[in-house]
Amino acid sequence: NTEWTMNNLVNRIDTIAEGDGWKEERTGLHEREFVETRRHWFSTKVAHNTNGGVNVLNLVEGDQAIVESPTNSFEPFIVNYAETFIIPASVGEYTIRPYGNSIGKTIATIKAYVRN
């Protein structure tokens, strides 16, 4: 039935947090899925935390971003459009910000992780 399909299968996007220069959206996977997906729109540096689980991300909007560790647990690295990258659970805190041609623009990543 159409109502059940719309309520359970069609991707619903909800804004769950936002601040100056960033917005985080839940992208609507069904509650029974074990994976959570979040889309982050940002034009400034944004903080992330693995919360003890691996994070898999993809740059879905914008030319480039740079991923950095505030504790220097890894070397900064540049991500290009459509590239997927993995942040190990042990990293904890990390940041992502626009880089290169994307500086001054709003870019986006999609992040997937196992729900707690």
PDB file of N, CA and C in Angstrom:
ATOM      1  N   ASN A   1       0.835  -1.174   0.000  1.00  0.00           N
ATOM      2  CA  ASN A   1       0.000   0.000   0.000  1.00  0.00           C
ATOM      3  C   ASN A   1       0.880   1.237   0.000  1.00  0.00           C
ATOM      4  N   THR A   2       0.373   2.294  -0.555  1.00  0.00           N
ATOM      5  CA  THR A   2       1.142   3.526  -0.739  1.00  0.00           C
ATOM      6  C   THR A   2       1.546   4.163   0.582  1.00  0.00           C
ATOM      7  N   GLU A   3       0.645   4.203   1.528  1.00  0.00           N
ATOM      8  CA  GLU A   3       0.965   4.827   2.819  1.00  0.00           C
ATOM      9  C   GLU A   3       2.112   4.094   3.514  1.00  0.00           C
ATOM     10  N   TRP A   4       2.063   2.765   3.544  1.00  0.00           N
ATOM     11  CA  TRP A   4       3.131   1.978   4.175  1.00  0.00           C
ATOM     12  C   TRP A   4       4.458   2.216   3.459  1.00  0.00           C
ATOM     13  N   THR A   5       4.424   2.232   2.136  1.00  0.00           N
ATOM     14  CA  THR A   5       5.641   2.466   1.354  1.00  0.00           C
ATOM     15  C   THR A   5       6.232   3.828   1.678  1.00  0.00           C
ATOM     16  N   MET A   6       5.408   4.847   1.707  1.00  0.00           N
ATOM     17  CA  MET A   6       5.899   6.198   2.006  1.00  0.00           C
ATOM     18  C   MET A   6       6.470   6.280   3.419  1.00  0.00           C
ATOM     19  N   ASN A   7       5.848   5.604   4.371  1.00  0.00           N
ATOM     20  CA  ASN A   7       6.295   5.652   5.765  1.00  0.00           C
ATOM     21  C   ASN A   7       7.515   4.794   6.048  1.00  0.00           C
ATOM     22  N   ASN A   8       7.736   3.749   5.255  1.00  0.00           N
ATOM     23  CA  ASN A   8       8.779   2.786   5.584  1.00  0.00           C
ATOM     24  C   ASN A   8       9.891   2.641   4.558  1.00  0.00           C
ATOM     25  N   LEU A   9       9.640   2.970   3.305  1.00  0.00           N
ATOM     26  CA  LEU A   9      10.636   2.703   2.274  1.00  0.00           C
ATOM     27  C   LEU A   9      11.171   3.939   1.568  1.00  0.00           C
ATOM     28  N   VAL A  10      10.384   4.980   1.474  1.00  0.00           N
ATOM     29  CA  VAL A  10      10.831   6.186   0.777  1.00  0.00           C
ATOM     30  C   VAL A  10      11.772   6.964   1.682  1.00  0.00           C
ATOM     31  N   ASN A  11      12.880   7.384   1.115  1.00  0.00           N
ATOM     32  CA  ASN A  11      13.920   8.085   1.867  1.00  0.00           C
ATOM     33  C   ASN A  11      13.390   9.408   2.416  1.00  0.00           C
ATOM     34  N   ARG A  12      13.337   9.503   3.729  1.00  0.00           N
ATOM     35  CA  ARG A  12      12.934  10.743   4.394  1.00  0.00           C
ATOM     36  C   ARG A  12      14.191  11.419   4.927  1.00  0.00           C
ATOM     37  N   ILE A  13      14.323  12.697   4.689  1.00  0.00           N
ATOM     38  CA  ILE A  13      15.495  13.434   5.152  1.00  0.00           C
ATOM     39  C   ILE A  13      15.046  14.412   6.224  1.00  0.00           C
ATOM     40  N   ASP A  14      15.684  14.314   7.394  1.00  0.00           N
ATOM     41  CA  ASP A  14      15.359  15.184   8.519  1.00  0.00           C
ATOM     42  C   ASP A  14      16.606  15.921   8.970  1.00  0.00           C
ATOM     43  N   THR A  15      16.500  17.238   9.162  1.00  0.00           N
ATOM     44  CA  THR A  15      17.595  17.993   9.760  1.00  0.00           C
ATOM     45  C   THR A  15      17.607  17.679  11.247  1.00  0.00           C
ATOM     46  N   ILE A  16      18.773  17.230  11.756  1.00  0.00           N
ATOM     47  CA  ILE A  16      18.838  16.875  13.176  1.00  0.00           C
ATOM     48  C   ILE A  16      19.696  17.833  13.983  1.00  0.00           C
ATOM     49  N   ALA A  17      20.555  18.599  13.305  1.00  0.00           N
ATOM     50  CA  ALA A  17      21.367  19.603  14.001  1.00  0.00           C
ATOM     51  C   ALA A  17      21.888  20.590  12.967  1.00  0.00           C
ATOM     52  N   GLU A  18      22.102  21.833  13.405  1.00  0.00           N
ATOM     53  CA  GLU A  18      22.727  22.820  12.527  1.00  0.00           C
ATOM     54  C   GLU A  18      23.327  23.936  13.346  1.00  0.00           C
ATOM     55  N   GLY A  19      24.296  24.593  12.741  1.00  0.00           N
ATOM     56  CA  GLY A  19      24.973  25.696  13.391  1.00  0.00           C
ATOM     57  C   GLY A  19      25.504  26.646  12.341  1.00  0.00           C
ATOM     58  N   ASP A  20      26.392  27.524  12.744  1.00  0.00           N
ATOM     59  CA  ASP A  20      26.963  28.516  11.844  1.00  0.00           C
ATOM     60  C   ASP A  20      27.857  27.823  10.815  1.00  0.00           C
ATOM     61  N   GLY A  21      27.392  27.737   9.588  1.00  0.00           N
ATOM     62  CA  GLY A  21      28.184  27.161   8.509  1.00  0.00           C
ATOM     63  C   GLY A  21      28.067  25.660   8.336  1.00  0.00           C
ATOM     64  N   TRP A  22      27.108  25.020   9.027  1.00  0.00           N
ATOM     65  CA  TRP A  22      26.953  23.567   8.859  1.00  0.00           C
ATOM     66  C   TRP A  22      25.528  23.114   9.170  1.00  0.00           C
ATOM     67  N   LYS A  23      25.170  21.958   8.601  1.00  0.00           N
ATOM     68  CA  LYS A  23      23.876  21.321   8.867  1.00  0.00           C
ATOM     69  C   LYS A  23      24.068  19.812   8.759  1.00  0.00           C
ATOM     70  N   GLU A  24      23.453  19.071   9.688  1.00  0.00           N
ATOM     71  CA  GLU A  24      23.512  17.608   9.682  1.00  0.00           C
ATOM     72  C   GLU A  24      22.113  17.049   9.461  1.00  0.00           C
ATOM     73  N   GLU A  25      22.000  16.124   8.496  1.00  0.00           N
ATOM     74  CA  GLU A  25      20.718  15.522   8.161  1.00  0.00           C
ATOM     75  C   GLU A  25      20.769  14.002   8.328  1.00  0.00           C
ATOM     76  N   ARG A  26      19.713  13.433   8.851  1.00  0.00           N
ATOM     77  CA  ARG A  26      19.525  11.980   8.830  1.00  0.00           C
ATOM     78  C   ARG A  26      18.894  11.688   7.477  1.00  0.00           C
ATOM     79  N   THR A  27      19.458  10.724   6.755  1.00  0.00           N
ATOM     80  CA  THR A  27      19.019  10.528   5.376  1.00  0.00           C
ATOM     81  C   THR A  27      17.919   9.502   5.202  1.00  0.00           C
ATOM     82  N   GLY A  28      17.401   8.941   6.267  1.00  0.00           N
ATOM     83  CA  GLY A  28      16.158   8.216   6.164  1.00  0.00           C
ATOM     84  C   GLY A  28      16.198   6.715   6.023  1.00  0.00           C
ATOM     85  N   LEU A  29      17.303   6.056   6.373  1.00  0.00           N
ATOM     86  CA  LEU A  29      17.265   4.600   6.363  1.00  0.00           C
ATOM     87  C   LEU A  29      16.239   4.113   7.379  1.00  0.00           C
ATOM     88  N   HIS A  30      15.640   2.988   7.096  1.00  0.00           N
ATOM     89  CA  HIS A  30      14.609   2.430   7.975  1.00  0.00           C
ATOM     90  C   HIS A  30      15.196   2.125   9.345  1.00  0.00           C
ATOM     91  N   GLU A  31      14.388   2.251  10.384  1.00  0.00           N
ATOM     92  CA  GLU A  31      14.853   2.035  11.758  1.00  0.00           C
ATOM     93  C   GLU A  31      15.384   0.624  11.983  1.00  0.00           C
ATOM     94  N   ARG A  32      15.000  -0.331  11.167  1.00  0.00           N
ATOM     95  CA  ARG A  32      15.496  -1.704  11.313  1.00  0.00           C
ATOM     96  C   ARG A  32      16.852  -1.920  10.656  1.00  0.00           C
ATOM     97  N   GLU A  33      17.303  -0.971   9.857  1.00  0.00           N
ATOM     98  CA  GLU A  33      18.645  -1.059   9.265  1.00  0.00           C
ATOM     99  C   GLU A  33      19.669  -0.879  10.374  1.00  0.00           C
ATOM    100  N   PHE A  34      20.761  -1.624  10.314  1.00  0.00           N
ATOM    101  CA  PHE A  34      21.786  -1.504  11.353  1.00  0.00           C
ATOM    102  C   PHE A  34      22.763  -0.367  11.075  1.00  0.00           C
ATOM    103  N   VAL A  35      22.669   0.232   9.889  1.00  0.00           N
ATOM    104  CA  VAL A  35      23.567   1.321   9.510  1.00  0.00           C
ATOM    105  C   VAL A  35      22.817   2.648   9.603  1.00  0.00           C
ATOM    106  N   GLU A  36      23.486   3.646  10.157  1.00  0.00           N
ATOM    107  CA  GLU A  36      22.968   5.021  10.195  1.00  0.00           C
ATOM    108  C   GLU A  36      23.700   5.806   9.121  1.00  0.00           C
ATOM    109  N   THR A  37      22.982   6.653   8.387  1.00  0.00           N
ATOM    110  CA  THR A  37      23.623   7.516   7.400  1.00  0.00           C
ATOM    111  C   THR A  37      23.269   8.960   7.704  1.00  0.00           C
ATOM    112  N   ARG A  38      24.291   9.802   7.641  1.00  0.00           N
ATOM    113  CA  ARG A  38      24.119  11.232   7.906  1.00  0.00           C
ATOM    114  C   ARG A  38      24.766  12.027   6.776  1.00  0.00           C
ATOM    115  N   ARG A  39      24.062  13.039   6.315  1.00  0.00           N
ATOM    116  CA  ARG A  39      24.644  13.961   5.334  1.00  0.00           C
ATOM    117  C   ARG A  39      24.990  15.243   6.071  1.00  0.00           C
ATOM    118  N   HIS A  40      26.199  15.726   5.832  1.00  0.00           N
ATOM    119  CA  HIS A  40      26.681  16.962   6.449  1.00  0.00           C
ATOM    120  C   HIS A  40      26.936  17.989   5.347  1.00  0.00           C
ATOM    121  N   TRP A  41      26.270  19.130   5.442  1.00  0.00           N
ATOM    122  CA  TRP A  41      26.508  20.278   4.562  1.00  0.00           C
ATOM    123  C   TRP A  41      27.341  21.267   5.362  1.00  0.00           C
ATOM    124  N   PHE A  42      28.414  21.801   4.781  1.00  0.00           N
ATOM    125  CA  PHE A  42      29.251  22.711   5.548  1.00  0.00           C
ATOM    126  C   PHE A  42      30.075  23.617   4.642  1.00  0.00           C
ATOM    127  N   SER A  43      30.362  24.805   5.161  1.00  0.00           N
ATOM    128  CA  SER A  43      31.218  25.774   4.471  1.00  0.00           C
ATOM    129  C   SER A  43      32.407  26.159   5.343  1.00  0.00           C
ATOM    130  N   THR A  44      32.465  25.611   6.546  1.00  0.00           N
ATOM    131  CA  THR A  44      33.553  25.864   7.488  1.00  0.00           C
ATOM    132  C   THR A  44      34.024  24.526   8.051  1.00  0.00           C
ATOM    133  N   LYS A  45      35.028  24.572   8.900  1.00  0.00           N
ATOM    134  CA  LYS A  45      35.523  23.359   9.551  1.00  0.00           C
ATOM    135  C   LYS A  45      34.444  22.800  10.469  1.00  0.00           C
ATOM    136  N   VAL A  46      34.208  21.494  10.370  1.00  0.00           N
ATOM    137  CA  VAL A  46      33.223  20.839  11.232  1.00  0.00           C
ATOM    138  C   VAL A  46      33.876  19.678  11.969  1.00  0.00           C
ATOM    139  N   ALA A  47      33.494  19.520  13.220  1.00  0.00           N
ATOM    140  CA  ALA A  47      34.042  18.456  14.063  1.00  0.00           C
ATOM    141  C   ALA A  47      33.185  17.198  13.956  1.00  0.00           C
ATOM    142  N   HIS A  48      33.857  16.067  13.940  1.00  0.00           N
ATOM    143  CA  HIS A  48      33.209  14.754  13.940  1.00  0.00           C
ATOM    144  C   HIS A  48      33.859  13.917  15.027  1.00  0.00           C
ATOM    145  N   ASN A  49      33.196  12.831  15.414  1.00  0.00           N
ATOM    146  CA  ASN A  49      33.762  11.886  16.364  1.00  0.00           C
ATOM    147  C   ASN A  49      33.291  10.499  15.963  1.00  0.00           C
ATOM    148  N   THR A  50      34.206   9.549  15.975  1.00  0.00           N
ATOM    149  CA  THR A  50      33.841   8.182  15.597  1.00  0.00           C
ATOM    150  C   THR A  50      32.994   7.507  16.662  1.00  0.00           C
ATOM    151  N   ASN A  51      33.024   8.021  17.879  1.00  0.00           N
ATOM    152  CA  ASN A  51      32.264   7.431  18.989  1.00  0.00           C
ATOM    153  C   ASN A  51      32.496   5.929  19.108  1.00  0.00           C
ATOM    154  N   GLY A  52      33.733   5.521  18.846  1.00  0.00           N
ATOM    155  CA  GLY A  52      34.108   4.125  19.018  1.00  0.00           C
ATOM    156  C   GLY A  52      33.744   3.202  17.874  1.00  0.00           C
ATOM    157  N   GLY A  53      33.263   3.746  16.763  1.00  0.00           N
ATOM    158  CA  GLY A  53      32.908   2.922  15.602  1.00  0.00           C
ATOM    159  C   GLY A  53      33.539   3.474  14.340  1.00  0.00           C
ATOM    160  N   VAL A  54      33.783   2.615  13.379  1.00  0.00           N
ATOM    161  CA  VAL A  54      34.370   3.056  12.119  1.00  0.00           C
ATOM    162  C   VAL A  54      33.382   3.971  11.387  1.00  0.00           C
ATOM    163  N   ASN A  55      33.902   5.026  10.743  1.00  0.00           N
ATOM    164  CA  ASN A  55      33.095   5.935   9.926  1.00  0.00           C
ATOM    165  C   ASN A  55      33.523   5.787   8.478  1.00  0.00           C
ATOM    166  N   VAL A  56      32.565   5.622   7.573  1.00  0.00           N
ATOM    167  CA  VAL A  56      32.826   5.558   6.138  1.00  0.00           C
ATOM    168  C   VAL A  56      32.142   6.766   5.520  1.00  0.00           C
ATOM    169  N   LEU A  57      32.923   7.597   4.820  1.00  0.00           N
ATOM    170  CA  LEU A  57      32.394   8.845   4.271  1.00  0.00           C
ATOM    171  C   LEU A  57      32.682   8.953   2.784  1.00  0.00           C
ATOM    172  N   ASN A  58      31.892   9.797   2.114  1.00  0.00           N
ATOM    173  CA  ASN A  58      32.086  10.098   0.706  1.00  0.00           C
ATOM    174  C   ASN A  58      31.802  11.579   0.511  1.00  0.00           C
ATOM    175  N   LEU A  59      32.645  12.243  -0.283  1.00  0.00           N
ATOM    176  CA  LEU A  59      32.415  13.650  -0.614  1.00  0.00           C
ATOM    177  C   LEU A  59      31.398  13.689  -1.751  1.00  0.00           C
ATOM    178  N   VAL A  60      30.174  14.112  -1.456  1.00  0.00           N
ATOM    179  CA  VAL A  60      29.082  14.058  -2.427  1.00  0.00           C
ATOM    180  C   VAL A  60      28.769  15.406  -3.074  1.00  0.00           C
ATOM    181  N   GLU A  61      29.344  16.473  -2.555  1.00  0.00           N
ATOM    182  CA  GLU A  61      29.146  17.808  -3.137  1.00  0.00           C
ATOM    183  C   GLU A  61      30.395  18.622  -2.870  1.00  0.00           C
ATOM    184  N   GLY A  62      30.929  19.262  -3.917  1.00  0.00           N
ATOM    185  CA  GLY A  62      32.137  20.063  -3.788  1.00  0.00           C
ATOM    186  C   GLY A  62      33.331  19.366  -4.421  1.00  0.00           C
ATOM    187  N   ASP A  63      34.354  20.155  -4.732  1.00  0.00           N
ATOM    188  CA  ASP A  63      35.544  19.617  -5.396  1.00  0.00           C
ATOM    189  C   ASP A  63      36.490  18.908  -4.445  1.00  0.00           C
ATOM    190  N   GLN A  64      36.775  19.537  -3.306  1.00  0.00           N
ATOM    191  CA  GLN A  64      37.764  18.977  -2.384  1.00  0.00           C
ATOM    192  C   GLN A  64      37.437  19.332  -0.940  1.00  0.00           C
ATOM    193  N   ALA A  65      37.878  18.445  -0.050  1.00  0.00           N
ATOM    194  CA  ALA A  65      37.819  18.688   1.393  1.00  0.00           C
ATOM    195  C   ALA A  65      39.120  18.179   1.986  1.00  0.00           C
ATOM    196  N   ILE A  66      39.469  18.686   3.159  1.00  0.00           N
ATOM    197  CA  ILE A  66      40.641  18.189   3.867  1.00  0.00           C
ATOM    198  C   ILE A  66      40.171  17.632   5.211  1.00  0.00           C
ATOM    199  N   VAL A  67      40.692  16.456   5.537  1.00  0.00           N
ATOM    200  CA  VAL A  67      40.346  15.765   6.779  1.00  0.00           C
ATOM    201  C   VAL A  67      41.556  15.867   7.696  1.00  0.00           C
ATOM    202  N   GLU A  68      41.324  16.324   8.932  1.00  0.00           N
ATOM    203  CA  GLU A  68      42.431  16.569   9.856  1.00  0.00           C
ATOM    204  C   GLU A  68      42.117  16.025  11.242  1.00  0.00           C
ATOM    205  N   SER A  69      43.179  15.741  11.979  1.00  0.00           N
ATOM    206  CA  SER A  69      43.058  15.287  13.360  1.00  0.00           C
ATOM    207  C   SER A  69      43.481  16.410  14.293  1.00  0.00           C
ATOM    208  N   PRO A  70      42.607  16.844  15.203  1.00  0.00           N
ATOM    209  CA  PRO A  70      43.008  17.885  16.156  1.00  0.00           C
ATOM    210  C   PRO A  70      44.071  17.404  17.136  1.00  0.00           C
ATOM    211  N   THR A  71      44.254  16.085  17.241  1.00  0.00           N
ATOM    212  CA  THR A  71      45.265  15.515  18.145  1.00  0.00           C
ATOM    213  C   THR A  71      46.462  14.956  17.383  1.00  0.00           C
ATOM    214  N   ASN A  72      46.521  15.228  16.074  1.00  0.00           N
ATOM    215  CA  ASN A  72      47.604  14.737  15.209  1.00  0.00           C
ATOM    216  C   ASN A  72      47.725  13.216  15.213  1.00  0.00           C
ATOM    217  N   SER A  73      46.593  12.511  15.316  1.00  0.00           N
ATOM    218  CA  SER A  73      46.634  11.049  15.294  1.00  0.00           C
ATOM    219  C   SER A  73      46.824  10.497  13.879  1.00  0.00           C
ATOM    220  N   PHE A  74      46.693  11.359  12.863  1.00  0.00           N
ATOM    221  CA  PHE A  74      47.002  10.979  11.479  1.00  0.00           C
ATOM    222  C   PHE A  74      47.381  12.240  10.715  1.00  0.00           C
ATOM    223  N   GLU A  75      48.062  12.052   9.592  1.00  0.00           N
ATOM    224  CA  GLU A  75      48.428  13.173   8.727  1.00  0.00           C
ATOM    225  C   GLU A  75      47.173  13.686   8.019  1.00  0.00           C
ATOM    226  N   PRO A  76      47.033  14.997   7.850  1.00  0.00           N
ATOM    227  CA  PRO A  76      45.890  15.515   7.093  1.00  0.00           C
ATOM    228  C   PRO A  76      45.882  14.918   5.684  1.00  0.00           C
ATOM    229  N   PHE A  77      44.688  14.700   5.148  1.00  0.00           N
ATOM    230  CA  PHE A  77      44.610  14.205   3.771  1.00  0.00           C
ATOM    231  C   PHE A  77      43.463  14.886   3.039  1.00  0.00           C
ATOM    232  N   ILE A  78      43.641  15.003   1.727  1.00  0.00           N
ATOM    233  CA  ILE A  78      42.678  15.675   0.857  1.00  0.00           C
ATOM    234  C   ILE A  78      41.780  14.630   0.211  1.00  0.00           C
ATOM    235  N   VAL A  79      40.503  14.940   0.168  1.00  0.00           N
ATOM    236  CA  VAL A  79      39.513  14.079  -0.472  1.00  0.00           C
ATOM    237  C   VAL A  79      38.924  14.849  -1.645  1.00  0.00           C
ATOM    238  N   ASN A  80      38.806  14.197  -2.789  1.00  0.00           N
ATOM    239  CA  ASN A  80      38.212  14.790  -3.980  1.00  0.00           C
ATOM    240  C   ASN A  80      36.772  14.316  -4.149  1.00  0.00           C
ATOM    241  N   TYR A  81      36.022  15.045  -4.962  1.00  0.00           N
ATOM    242  CA  TYR A  81      34.625  14.710  -5.220  1.00  0.00           C
ATOM    243  C   TYR A  81      34.466  13.223  -5.544  1.00  0.00           C
ATOM    244  N   ALA A  82      33.479  12.595  -4.942  1.00  0.00           N
ATOM    245  CA  ALA A  82      33.080  11.199  -5.156  1.00  0.00           C
ATOM    246  C   ALA A  82      34.049  10.182  -4.568  1.00  0.00           C
ATOM    247  N   GLU A  83      35.075  10.625  -3.867  1.00  0.00           N
ATOM    248  CA  GLU A  83      35.981   9.681  -3.217  1.00  0.00           C
ATOM    249  C   GLU A  83      35.408   9.253  -1.870  1.00  0.00           C
ATOM    250  N   THR A  84      35.608   7.975  -1.567  1.00  0.00           N
ATOM    251  CA  THR A  84      35.204   7.405  -0.288  1.00  0.00           C
ATOM    252  C   THR A  84      36.429   7.283   0.597  1.00  0.00           C
ATOM    253  N   PHE A  85      36.267   7.569   1.879  1.00  0.00           N
ATOM    254  CA  PHE A  85      37.377   7.432   2.820  1.00  0.00           C
ATOM    255  C   PHE A  85      36.868   6.863   4.132  1.00  0.00           C
ATOM    256  N   ILE A  86      37.768   6.211   4.853  1.00  0.00           N
ATOM    257  CA  ILE A  86      37.418   5.512   6.085  1.00  0.00           C
ATOM    258  C   ILE A  86      38.183   6.124   7.246  1.00  0.00           C
ATOM    259  N   ILE A  87      37.481   6.386   8.327  1.00  0.00           N
ATOM    260  CA  ILE A  87      38.100   6.869   9.560  1.00  0.00           C
ATOM    261  C   ILE A  87      37.989   5.735  10.586  1.00  0.00           C
ATOM    262  N   PRO A  88      39.127   5.169  11.006  1.00  0.00           N
ATOM    263  CA  PRO A  88      39.085   4.074  11.982  1.00  0.00           C
ATOM    264  C   PRO A  88      38.464   4.512  13.311  1.00  0.00           C
ATOM    265  N   ALA A  89      37.854   3.559  13.991  1.00  0.00           N
ATOM    266  CA  ALA A  89      37.197   3.828  15.269  1.00  0.00           C
ATOM    267  C   ALA A  89      38.143   4.458  16.277  1.00  0.00           C
ATOM    268  N   SER A  90      39.410   4.047  16.256  1.00  0.00           N
ATOM    269  CA  SER A  90      40.386   4.515  17.249  1.00  0.00           C
ATOM    270  C   SER A  90      40.736   5.991  17.109  1.00  0.00           C
ATOM    271  N   VAL A  91      40.395   6.622  15.985  1.00  0.00           N
ATOM    272  CA  VAL A  91      40.740   8.035  15.760  1.00  0.00           C
ATOM    273  C   VAL A  91      39.999   8.944  16.734  1.00  0.00           C
ATOM    274  N   GLY A  92      38.734   8.661  16.993  1.00  0.00           N
ATOM    275  CA  GLY A  92      37.955   9.548  17.857  1.00  0.00           C
ATOM    276  C   GLY A  92      37.609  10.828  17.128  1.00  0.00           C
ATOM    277  N   GLU A  93      38.134  11.958  17.597  1.00  0.00           N
ATOM    278  CA  GLU A  93      37.802  13.256  17.004  1.00  0.00           C
ATOM    279  C   GLU A  93      38.570  13.493  15.709  1.00  0.00           C
ATOM    280  N   TYR A  94      37.867  14.094  14.732  1.00  0.00           N
ATOM    281  CA  TYR A  94      38.492  14.539  13.492  1.00  0.00           C
ATOM    282  C   TYR A  94      37.663  15.686  12.937  1.00  0.00           C
ATOM    283  N   THR A  95      38.248  16.442  12.010  1.00  0.00           N
ATOM    284  CA  THR A  95      37.539  17.564  11.398  1.00  0.00           C
ATOM    285  C   THR A  95      37.593  17.436   9.886  1.00  0.00           C
ATOM    286  N   ILE A  96      36.614  18.050   9.237  1.00  0.00           N
ATOM    287  CA  ILE A  96      36.571  18.131   7.776  1.00  0.00           C
ATOM    288  C   ILE A  96      36.239  19.573   7.429  1.00  0.00           C
ATOM    289  N   ARG A  97      36.919  20.093   6.407  1.00  0.00           N
ATOM    290  CA  ARG A  97      36.633  21.459   5.964  1.00  0.00           C
ATOM    291  C   ARG A  97      36.836  21.561   4.461  1.00  0.00           C
ATOM    292  N   PRO A  98      36.197  22.552   3.823  1.00  0.00           N
ATOM    293  CA  PRO A  98      36.425  22.766   2.396  1.00  0.00           C
ATOM    294  C   PRO A  98      37.900  23.054   2.124  1.00  0.00           C
ATOM    295  N   TYR A  99      38.364  22.638   0.943  1.00  0.00           N
ATOM    296  CA  TYR A  99      39.769  22.799   0.580  1.00  0.00           C
ATOM    297  C   TYR A  99      39.852  23.158  -0.903  1.00  0.00           C
ATOM    298  N   GLY A 100      40.932  23.830  -1.294  1.00  0.00           N
ATOM    299  CA  GLY A 100      41.164  24.155  -2.702  1.00  0.00           C
ATOM    300  C   GLY A 100      40.044  24.998  -3.275  1.00  0.00           C
ATOM    301  N   ASN A 101      39.522  24.568  -4.428  1.00  0.00           N
ATOM    302  CA  ASN A 101      38.442  25.300  -5.099  1.00  0.00           C
ATOM    303  C   ASN A 101      37.151  25.351  -4.287  1.00  0.00           C
ATOM    304  N   SER A 102      37.038  24.524  -3.269  1.00  0.00           N
ATOM    305  CA  SER A 102      35.813  24.486  -2.459  1.00  0.00           C
ATOM    306  C   SER A 102      35.805  25.487  -1.311  1.00  0.00           C
ATOM    307  N   ILE A 103      36.938  26.137  -1.048  1.00  0.00           N
ATOM    308  CA  ILE A 103      36.976  27.138   0.024  1.00  0.00           C
ATOM    309  C   ILE A 103      35.972  28.246  -0.296  1.00  0.00           C
ATOM    310  N   GLY A 104      35.147  28.589   0.685  1.00  0.00           N
ATOM    311  CA  GLY A 104      34.126  29.614   0.506  1.00  0.00           C
ATOM    312  C   GLY A 104      32.816  29.088  -0.055  1.00  0.00           C
ATOM    313  N   LYS A 105      32.755  27.790  -0.325  1.00  0.00           N
ATOM    314  CA  LYS A 105      31.539  27.176  -0.859  1.00  0.00           C
ATOM    315  C   LYS A 105      30.973  26.186   0.154  1.00  0.00           C
ATOM    316  N   THR A 106      29.711  25.840  -0.024  1.00  0.00           N
ATOM    317  CA  THR A 106      29.091  24.802   0.796  1.00  0.00           C
ATOM    318  C   THR A 106      29.294  23.463   0.107  1.00  0.00           C
ATOM    319  N   ILE A 107      29.868  22.516   0.839  1.00  0.00           N
ATOM    320  CA  ILE A 107      30.111  21.179   0.317  1.00  0.00           C
ATOM    321  C   ILE A 107      29.393  20.170   1.213  1.00  0.00           C
ATOM    322  N   ALA A 108      29.422  18.890   0.820  1.00  0.00           N
ATOM    323  CA  ALA A 108      28.690  17.894   1.602  1.00  0.00           C
ATOM    324  C   ALA A 108      29.393  16.543   1.588  1.00  0.00           C
ATOM    325  N   THR A 109      29.269  15.854   2.719  1.00  0.00           N
ATOM    326  CA  THR A 109      29.693  14.460   2.817  1.00  0.00           C
ATOM    327  C   THR A 109      28.489  13.628   3.241  1.00  0.00           C
ATOM    328  N   ILE A 110      28.559  12.349   2.927  1.00  0.00           N
ATOM    329  CA  ILE A 110      27.614  11.387   3.489  1.00  0.00           C
ATOM    330  C   ILE A 110      28.442  10.464   4.366  1.00  0.00           C
ATOM    331  N   LYS A 111      27.980  10.236   5.579  1.00  0.00           N
ATOM    332  CA  LYS A 111      28.715   9.401   6.537  1.00  0.00           C
ATOM    333  C   LYS A 111      27.849   8.219   6.930  1.00  0.00           C
ATOM    334  N   ALA A 112      28.453   7.029   6.936  1.00  0.00           N
ATOM    335  CA  ALA A 112      27.757   5.818   7.371  1.00  0.00           C
ATOM    336  C   ALA A 112      28.512   5.206   8.541  1.00  0.00           C
ATOM    337  N   TYR A 113      27.746   4.692   9.500  1.00  0.00           N
ATOM    338  CA  TYR A 113      28.344   4.009  10.644  1.00  0.00           C
ATOM    339  C   TYR A 113      27.311   3.057  11.236  1.00  0.00           C
ATOM    340  N   VAL A 114      27.796   2.080  11.986  1.00  0.00           N
ATOM    341  CA  VAL A 114      26.902   1.114  12.611  1.00  0.00           C
ATOM    342  C   VAL A 114      26.226   1.780  13.805  1.00  0.00           C
ATOM    343  N   ARG A 115      24.923   1.639  13.871  1.00  0.00           N
ATOM    344  CA  ARG A 115      24.168   2.226  14.982  1.00  0.00           C
ATOM    345  C   ARG A 115      24.536   1.548  16.295  1.00  0.00           C
ATOM    346  N   ASN A 116      24.467   2.311  17.377  1.00  0.00           N
ATOM    347  CA  ASN A 116      24.734   1.747  18.712  1.00  0.00           C
ATOM    348  C   ASN A 116      23.528   1.016  19.237  1.00  0.00           C
TER     349      ASN A 116
END
